[in-house]
Amino acid sequence: MDLSDLKDGVFCKVMAGTHKGKKGTVHDIRTSKSGEITITVKQDDGVRFKTLARSVEIQK
């Protein structure tokens, strides 16, 4: 994934990890103490979850 495409409001699909297969809108992009980029994803039904940016694919 090209992290330059990662911006608030873009639609993404989680490709790996606990939330694999879920889709939603990217919010709250942050960098953790260890250097990993984390994001909050808000699904269409309003449910939010946090995941690593490396685990998502931007949907166009």
Protein backbone atom coordinates (compact mmCIF):
# COMPACT_ATOMS: atom_id res chain seq x y z
CA MET A 1 0.00 0.00 0.00
CA ASP A 2 1.19 3.51 -0.76
CA LEU A 3 0.85 5.47 2.48
CA SER A 4 0.61 8.75 0.55
CA ASP A 5 -2.94 7.70 -0.41
CA LEU A 6 -3.92 7.28 3.25
CA LYS A 7 -6.00 10.30 4.27
CA ASP A 8 -8.98 10.94 6.52
CA GLY A 9 -12.20 10.10 4.74
CA VAL A 10 -10.93 7.55 2.20
CA PHE A 11 -12.66 4.17 1.97
CA CYS A 12 -10.57 1.11 2.83
CA LYS A 13 -10.79 -2.64 3.30
CA VAL A 14 -8.82 -4.50 5.98
CA MET A 15 -6.74 -7.23 4.34
CA ALA A 16 -5.06 -8.82 7.40
CA GLY A 17 -5.41 -9.21 11.14
CA THR A 18 -8.35 -9.44 13.52
CA HIS A 19 -10.63 -7.21 11.42
CA LYS A 20 -9.83 -8.88 8.07
CA GLY A 21 -12.62 -8.37 5.52
CA LYS A 22 -14.18 -5.34 7.20
CA LYS A 23 -14.62 -2.11 5.25
CA GLY A 24 -15.04 1.49 6.26
CA THR A 25 -13.80 5.06 6.24
CA VAL A 26 -10.36 6.02 7.58
CA HIS A 27 -10.22 8.40 10.55
CA ASP A 28 -7.67 9.40 13.19
CA ILE A 29 -4.29 8.54 11.60
CA ARG A 30 -1.54 8.35 14.23
CA THR A 31 1.98 7.03 14.70
CA SER A 32 2.57 4.84 17.75
CA LYS A 33 5.64 4.98 20.00
CA SER A 34 7.10 2.01 18.14
CA GLY A 35 6.69 3.80 14.79
CA GLU A 36 3.68 1.87 13.46
CA ILE A 37 0.97 3.92 11.75
CA THR A 38 -2.43 3.19 13.29
CA ILE A 39 -5.83 4.25 12.02
CA THR A 40 -9.40 4.19 13.23
CA VAL A 41 -11.84 2.73 10.71
CA LYS A 42 -15.54 3.64 10.92
CA GLN A 43 -17.87 1.13 9.28
CA ASP A 44 -21.10 2.16 7.56
CA ASP A 45 -23.10 0.95 10.58
CA GLY A 46 -21.17 3.33 12.86
CA VAL A 47 -18.92 0.73 14.53
CA ARG A 48 -15.33 1.91 14.95
CA PHE A 49 -12.16 -0.13 15.36
CA LYS A 50 -8.42 0.51 15.34
CA THR A 51 -6.00 -1.29 13.06
CA LEU A 52 -2.54 -0.92 11.56
CA ALA A 53 -2.27 1.06 8.34
CA ARG A 54 -0.15 -1.72 6.79
CA SER A 55 -3.17 -4.05 7.12
CA VAL A 56 -5.51 -2.02 4.91
CA GLU A 57 -5.97 -1.51 1.20
CA ILE A 58 -7.41 1.75 -0.12
CA GLN A 59 -10.55 1.17 -2.22
CA LYS A 60 -10.95 3.44 -5.23
